Amino acid sequence: MATQLSGYRLMWIFVMFDLPVMTKDQMRAATKFREFLLDEGFEKSQFSVYARFCNGKEQFEGYMRRIEAHLPEKGDIHILTFTDRQYENVVRFSGQRRRRQRKNPDQLALF
């Protein structure tokens, strides 16, 4: 019997950031942070906005600990979470056209 995953348990994590890039060291730190997010399975949603699907609060807490361990020295970072049910109501526009809702991953990888 297949287990039905709840849209209220499944979550989306959004990491939004504004990092300084005035010096080479700051540019390197910003690049390193973006690459870290990609390595953690986040995808670029918009410039300086990255999103990732996860299977609940426990997994979210693990990502929070890893993000906190990789924070750049300067800049502002905001992390938002939405349940899958909340996220399905997001309205997206691109190039003056309304976009279809995003499809959730077909398979949820558990580590």
N, C-alpha and C. Protein backbone atom coordinates (compact mmCIF):
# COMPACT_ATOMS: atom_id res chain seq x y z
N MET A 1 0.85 -1.18 0.00
CA MET A 1 0.00 0.00 0.00
C MET A 1 0.89 1.24 0.00
N ALA A 2 0.69 2.14 -0.93
CA ALA A 2 1.50 3.36 -1.03
C ALA A 2 1.08 4.36 0.03
N THR A 3 2.06 5.05 0.57
CA THR A 3 1.79 6.07 1.57
C THR A 3 1.53 7.39 0.87
N GLN A 4 0.43 8.04 1.20
CA GLN A 4 0.09 9.34 0.64
C GLN A 4 0.82 10.43 1.43
N LEU A 5 1.60 11.25 0.76
CA LEU A 5 2.30 12.34 1.43
C LEU A 5 1.39 13.55 1.52
N SER A 6 1.34 14.16 2.67
CA SER A 6 0.46 15.30 2.91
C SER A 6 1.05 16.59 2.34
N GLY A 7 0.21 17.35 1.63
CA GLY A 7 0.63 18.65 1.12
C GLY A 7 0.86 19.67 2.22
N TYR A 8 0.46 19.31 3.44
CA TYR A 8 0.71 20.21 4.57
C TYR A 8 2.01 19.86 5.27
N ARG A 9 2.53 18.66 5.04
CA ARG A 9 3.81 18.26 5.62
C ARG A 9 4.96 18.60 4.68
N LEU A 10 4.74 18.36 3.38
CA LEU A 10 5.76 18.68 2.38
C LEU A 10 5.96 20.18 2.33
N MET A 11 7.19 20.60 2.13
CA MET A 11 7.50 22.03 2.22
C MET A 11 8.39 22.48 1.08
N TRP A 12 8.35 23.77 0.87
CA TRP A 12 9.27 24.46 -0.03
C TRP A 12 10.08 25.42 0.82
N ILE A 13 11.37 25.45 0.58
CA ILE A 13 12.28 26.38 1.26
C ILE A 13 12.74 27.40 0.23
N PHE A 14 12.62 28.67 0.56
CA PHE A 14 13.13 29.74 -0.29
C PHE A 14 14.24 30.47 0.45
N VAL A 15 15.39 30.60 -0.19
CA VAL A 15 16.51 31.36 0.36
C VAL A 15 16.67 32.58 -0.52
N MET A 16 16.51 33.75 0.09
CA MET A 16 16.64 35.02 -0.64
C MET A 16 17.81 35.77 -0.02
N PHE A 17 18.64 36.35 -0.84
CA PHE A 17 19.81 37.02 -0.27
C PHE A 17 20.22 38.24 -1.06
N ASP A 18 20.85 39.13 -0.34
CA ASP A 18 21.44 40.35 -0.89
C ASP A 18 22.85 40.40 -0.33
N LEU A 19 23.81 40.00 -1.15
CA LEU A 19 25.19 39.92 -0.70
C LEU A 19 26.04 40.99 -1.38
N PRO A 20 26.95 41.60 -0.64
CA PRO A 20 27.81 42.62 -1.25
C PRO A 20 28.78 41.97 -2.24
N VAL A 21 29.04 42.66 -3.34
CA VAL A 21 29.98 42.18 -4.36
C VAL A 21 30.89 43.31 -4.84
N MET A 22 31.31 44.14 -3.90
CA MET A 22 32.13 45.30 -4.25
C MET A 22 33.62 44.95 -4.36
N THR A 23 34.05 43.91 -3.68
CA THR A 23 35.45 43.50 -3.73
C THR A 23 35.55 42.08 -4.27
N LYS A 24 36.75 41.68 -4.64
CA LYS A 24 36.94 40.31 -5.14
C LYS A 24 36.60 39.28 -4.07
N ASP A 25 36.96 39.56 -2.82
CA ASP A 25 36.64 38.63 -1.73
C ASP A 25 35.13 38.49 -1.55
N GLN A 26 34.41 39.61 -1.64
CA GLN A 26 32.96 39.57 -1.51
C GLN A 26 32.33 38.82 -2.68
N MET A 27 32.86 39.03 -3.89
CA MET A 27 32.35 38.31 -5.06
C MET A 27 32.57 36.82 -4.91
N ARG A 28 33.75 36.44 -4.41
CA ARG A 28 34.05 35.02 -4.19
C ARG A 28 33.11 34.42 -3.14
N ALA A 29 32.86 35.17 -2.07
CA ALA A 29 31.97 34.68 -1.01
C ALA A 29 30.54 34.50 -1.54
N ALA A 30 30.07 35.44 -2.34
CA ALA A 30 28.72 35.35 -2.91
C ALA A 30 28.63 34.15 -3.86
N THR A 31 29.63 33.97 -4.69
CA THR A 31 29.66 32.83 -5.62
C THR A 31 29.70 31.52 -4.85
N LYS A 32 30.52 31.46 -3.82
CA LYS A 32 30.64 30.26 -3.01
C LYS A 32 29.29 29.92 -2.35
N PHE A 33 28.56 30.92 -1.88
CA PHE A 33 27.25 30.68 -1.25
C PHE A 33 26.24 30.17 -2.28
N ARG A 34 26.20 30.78 -3.46
CA ARG A 34 25.30 30.32 -4.52
C ARG A 34 25.62 28.88 -4.92
N GLU A 35 26.90 28.58 -5.06
CA GLU A 35 27.31 27.21 -5.42
C GLU A 35 26.95 26.22 -4.32
N PHE A 36 27.06 26.63 -3.07
CA PHE A 36 26.66 25.79 -1.95
C PHE A 36 25.17 25.45 -2.06
N LEU A 37 24.35 26.46 -2.33
CA LEU A 37 22.90 26.22 -2.45
C LEU A 37 22.61 25.24 -3.58
N LEU A 38 23.27 25.40 -4.71
CA LEU A 38 23.07 24.48 -5.84
C LEU A 38 23.50 23.06 -5.46
N ASP A 39 24.62 22.94 -4.77
CA ASP A 39 25.10 21.63 -4.32
C ASP A 39 24.13 20.97 -3.35
N GLU A 40 23.38 21.78 -2.60
CA GLU A 40 22.40 21.26 -1.64
C GLU A 40 21.06 20.93 -2.30
N GLY A 41 20.98 21.11 -3.61
CA GLY A 41 19.76 20.74 -4.33
C GLY A 41 18.78 21.88 -4.54
N PHE A 42 19.19 23.11 -4.22
CA PHE A 42 18.33 24.26 -4.49
C PHE A 42 18.42 24.60 -5.96
N GLU A 43 17.36 25.18 -6.50
CA GLU A 43 17.39 25.66 -7.88
C GLU A 43 17.13 27.16 -7.88
N LYS A 44 17.73 27.81 -8.85
CA LYS A 44 17.57 29.25 -8.96
C LYS A 44 16.16 29.55 -9.44
N SER A 45 15.42 30.31 -8.63
CA SER A 45 14.07 30.70 -8.98
C SER A 45 14.08 32.07 -9.65
N GLN A 46 14.84 32.97 -9.09
CA GLN A 46 15.07 34.31 -9.63
C GLN A 46 16.46 34.72 -9.18
N PHE A 47 16.92 35.85 -9.65
CA PHE A 47 18.23 36.32 -9.23
C PHE A 47 18.24 36.46 -7.71
N SER A 48 19.15 35.79 -7.05
CA SER A 48 19.31 35.80 -5.59
C SER A 48 18.12 35.21 -4.84
N VAL A 49 17.36 34.34 -5.51
CA VAL A 49 16.27 33.61 -4.87
C VAL A 49 16.39 32.15 -5.30
N TYR A 50 16.57 31.27 -4.33
CA TYR A 50 16.74 29.85 -4.60
C TYR A 50 15.68 29.07 -3.83
N ALA A 51 15.18 27.99 -4.44
CA ALA A 51 14.10 27.22 -3.84
C ALA A 51 14.45 25.74 -3.83
N ARG A 52 13.88 25.05 -2.84
CA ARG A 52 14.08 23.60 -2.73
C ARG A 52 12.87 22.97 -2.09
N PHE A 53 12.51 21.80 -2.58
CA PHE A 53 11.41 20.99 -2.07
C PHE A 53 11.97 20.09 -0.98
N CYS A 54 11.26 19.93 0.13
CA CYS A 54 11.72 18.99 1.17
C CYS A 54 10.52 18.30 1.80
N ASN A 55 10.80 17.24 2.56
CA ASN A 55 9.71 16.39 3.04
C ASN A 55 9.25 16.69 4.45
N GLY A 56 9.53 17.86 4.97
CA GLY A 56 8.99 18.20 6.29
C GLY A 56 9.93 19.01 7.14
N LYS A 57 9.46 19.27 8.33
CA LYS A 57 10.16 20.15 9.27
C LYS A 57 11.54 19.62 9.65
N GLU A 58 11.66 18.31 9.82
CA GLU A 58 12.95 17.75 10.22
C GLU A 58 14.01 17.98 9.14
N GLN A 59 13.63 17.73 7.90
CA GLN A 59 14.57 17.95 6.80
C GLN A 59 14.87 19.44 6.66
N PHE A 60 13.86 20.28 6.83
CA PHE A 60 14.06 21.72 6.80
C PHE A 60 15.09 22.15 7.84
N GLU A 61 14.98 21.63 9.05
CA GLU A 61 15.93 21.98 10.11
C GLU A 61 17.36 21.58 9.73
N GLY A 62 17.51 20.45 9.08
CA GLY A 62 18.84 20.04 8.61
C GLY A 62 19.41 21.02 7.60
N TYR A 63 18.58 21.47 6.66
CA TYR A 63 19.03 22.47 5.69
C TYR A 63 19.37 23.78 6.38
N MET A 64 18.59 24.16 7.37
CA MET A 64 18.86 25.40 8.10
C MET A 64 20.24 25.34 8.76
N ARG A 65 20.56 24.22 9.39
CA ARG A 65 21.87 24.08 10.04
C ARG A 65 23.00 24.19 9.02
N ARG A 66 22.83 23.53 7.86
CA ARG A 66 23.88 23.58 6.84
C ARG A 66 24.01 24.98 6.24
N ILE A 67 22.88 25.64 6.01
CA ILE A 67 22.94 27.02 5.48
C ILE A 67 23.64 27.92 6.49
N GLU A 68 23.26 27.80 7.75
CA GLU A 68 23.88 28.64 8.78
C GLU A 68 25.38 28.42 8.85
N ALA A 69 25.83 27.21 8.64
CA ALA A 69 27.27 26.90 8.67
C ALA A 69 28.00 27.47 7.45
N HIS A 70 27.28 27.85 6.41
CA HIS A 70 27.90 28.36 5.18
C HIS A 70 27.55 29.82 4.88
N LEU A 71 27.08 30.54 5.87
CA LEU A 71 26.72 31.95 5.64
C LEU A 71 27.95 32.79 5.31
N PRO A 72 27.84 33.66 4.33
CA PRO A 72 28.93 34.60 4.06
C PRO A 72 29.07 35.57 5.24
N GLU A 73 30.24 36.18 5.33
CA GLU A 73 30.52 37.08 6.45
C GLU A 73 29.61 38.30 6.46
N LYS A 74 29.25 38.80 5.28
CA LYS A 74 28.41 40.01 5.19
C LYS A 74 27.21 39.74 4.30
N GLY A 75 26.21 40.60 4.43
CA GLY A 75 25.03 40.50 3.58
C GLY A 75 23.80 40.10 4.38
N ASP A 76 22.67 40.10 3.69
CA ASP A 76 21.39 39.76 4.30
C ASP A 76 20.84 38.52 3.61
N ILE A 77 20.38 37.57 4.43
CA ILE A 77 19.81 36.34 3.93
C ILE A 77 18.50 36.10 4.66
N HIS A 78 17.45 35.82 3.89
CA HIS A 78 16.13 35.53 4.44
C HIS A 78 15.73 34.14 3.96
N ILE A 79 15.17 33.36 4.87
CA ILE A 79 14.72 32.02 4.53
C ILE A 79 13.24 31.92 4.85
N LEU A 80 12.46 31.53 3.84
CA LEU A 80 11.01 31.38 3.99
C LEU A 80 10.65 29.92 3.75
N THR A 81 9.60 29.47 4.40
CA THR A 81 9.08 28.14 4.10
C THR A 81 7.59 28.26 3.78
N PHE A 82 7.16 27.40 2.89
CA PHE A 82 5.76 27.29 2.53
C PHE A 82 5.41 25.82 2.50
N THR A 83 4.22 25.49 2.96
CA THR A 83 3.77 24.12 2.75
C THR A 83 3.52 23.95 1.27
N ASP A 84 3.50 22.71 0.83
CA ASP A 84 3.23 22.44 -0.57
C ASP A 84 1.85 22.97 -0.96
N ARG A 85 0.89 22.88 -0.07
CA ARG A 85 -0.46 23.41 -0.33
C ARG A 85 -0.43 24.92 -0.53
N GLN A 86 0.36 25.64 0.28
CA GLN A 86 0.47 27.08 0.11
C GLN A 86 1.17 27.43 -1.20
N TYR A 87 2.22 26.69 -1.51
CA TYR A 87 3.02 26.99 -2.70
C TYR A 87 2.24 26.75 -3.99
N GLU A 88 1.31 25.81 -3.97
CA GLU A 88 0.55 25.55 -5.20
C GLU A 88 -0.32 26.74 -5.59
N ASN A 89 -0.52 27.69 -4.69
CA ASN A 89 -1.32 28.89 -4.99
C ASN A 89 -0.50 30.07 -5.48
N VAL A 90 0.81 29.91 -5.60
CA VAL A 90 1.67 30.98 -6.09
C VAL A 90 1.34 31.24 -7.56
N VAL A 91 1.17 32.49 -7.91
CA VAL A 91 0.91 32.88 -9.29
C VAL A 91 2.21 33.41 -9.88
N ARG A 92 2.60 32.87 -11.03
CA ARG A 92 3.86 33.25 -11.67
C ARG A 92 3.59 33.93 -13.01
N PHE A 93 4.35 34.99 -13.27
CA PHE A 93 4.31 35.66 -14.55
C PHE A 93 5.73 35.71 -15.10
N SER A 94 5.84 35.57 -16.40
CA SER A 94 7.14 35.68 -17.06
C SER A 94 6.90 36.27 -18.44
N GLY A 95 7.57 37.38 -18.72
CA GLY A 95 7.39 38.01 -20.02
C GLY A 95 5.96 38.39 -20.29
N GLN A 96 5.27 38.92 -19.30
CA GLN A 96 3.89 39.36 -19.40
C GLN A 96 2.89 38.22 -19.62
N ARG A 97 3.33 36.98 -19.40
CA ARG A 97 2.44 35.83 -19.54
C ARG A 97 2.36 35.07 -18.23
N ARG A 98 1.19 34.65 -17.94
CA ARG A 98 0.98 33.83 -16.75
C ARG A 98 1.54 32.44 -17.02
N ARG A 99 2.30 31.92 -16.08
CA ARG A 99 2.92 30.60 -16.22
C ARG A 99 2.13 29.56 -15.46
N ARG A 100 2.21 28.33 -15.96
CA ARG A 100 1.57 27.22 -15.27
C ARG A 100 2.23 27.00 -13.92
N GLN A 101 1.46 26.41 -13.02
CA GLN A 101 2.00 26.08 -11.71
C GLN A 101 3.13 25.09 -11.87
N ARG A 102 4.09 25.19 -10.98
CA ARG A 102 5.21 24.26 -11.00
C ARG A 102 4.75 22.87 -10.62
N LYS A 103 5.38 21.91 -11.22
CA LYS A 103 5.10 20.51 -10.90
C LYS A 103 6.10 20.08 -9.83
N ASN A 104 5.60 19.43 -8.80
CA ASN A 104 6.47 18.92 -7.76
C ASN A 104 7.33 17.79 -8.30
N PRO A 105 8.46 17.56 -7.67
CA PRO A 105 9.30 16.43 -8.11
C PRO A 105 8.48 15.13 -8.08
N ASP A 106 8.68 14.26 -9.08
CA ASP A 106 7.96 13.00 -9.14
C ASP A 106 8.38 12.07 -8.01
N GLN A 107 9.63 12.20 -7.63
CA GLN A 107 10.17 11.32 -6.63
C GLN A 107 10.85 12.16 -5.58
N LEU A 108 10.61 11.85 -4.33
CA LEU A 108 11.22 12.56 -3.23
C LEU A 108 12.39 11.74 -2.73
N ALA A 109 13.59 12.30 -2.85
CA ALA A 109 14.78 11.58 -2.39
C ALA A 109 14.94 11.75 -0.90
N LEU A 110 15.08 10.66 -0.20
CA LEU A 110 15.27 10.69 1.24
C LEU A 110 16.70 10.31 1.56
N PHE A 111 17.36 11.14 2.35
CA PHE A 111 18.75 10.87 2.72
C PHE A 111 18.88 10.75 4.20
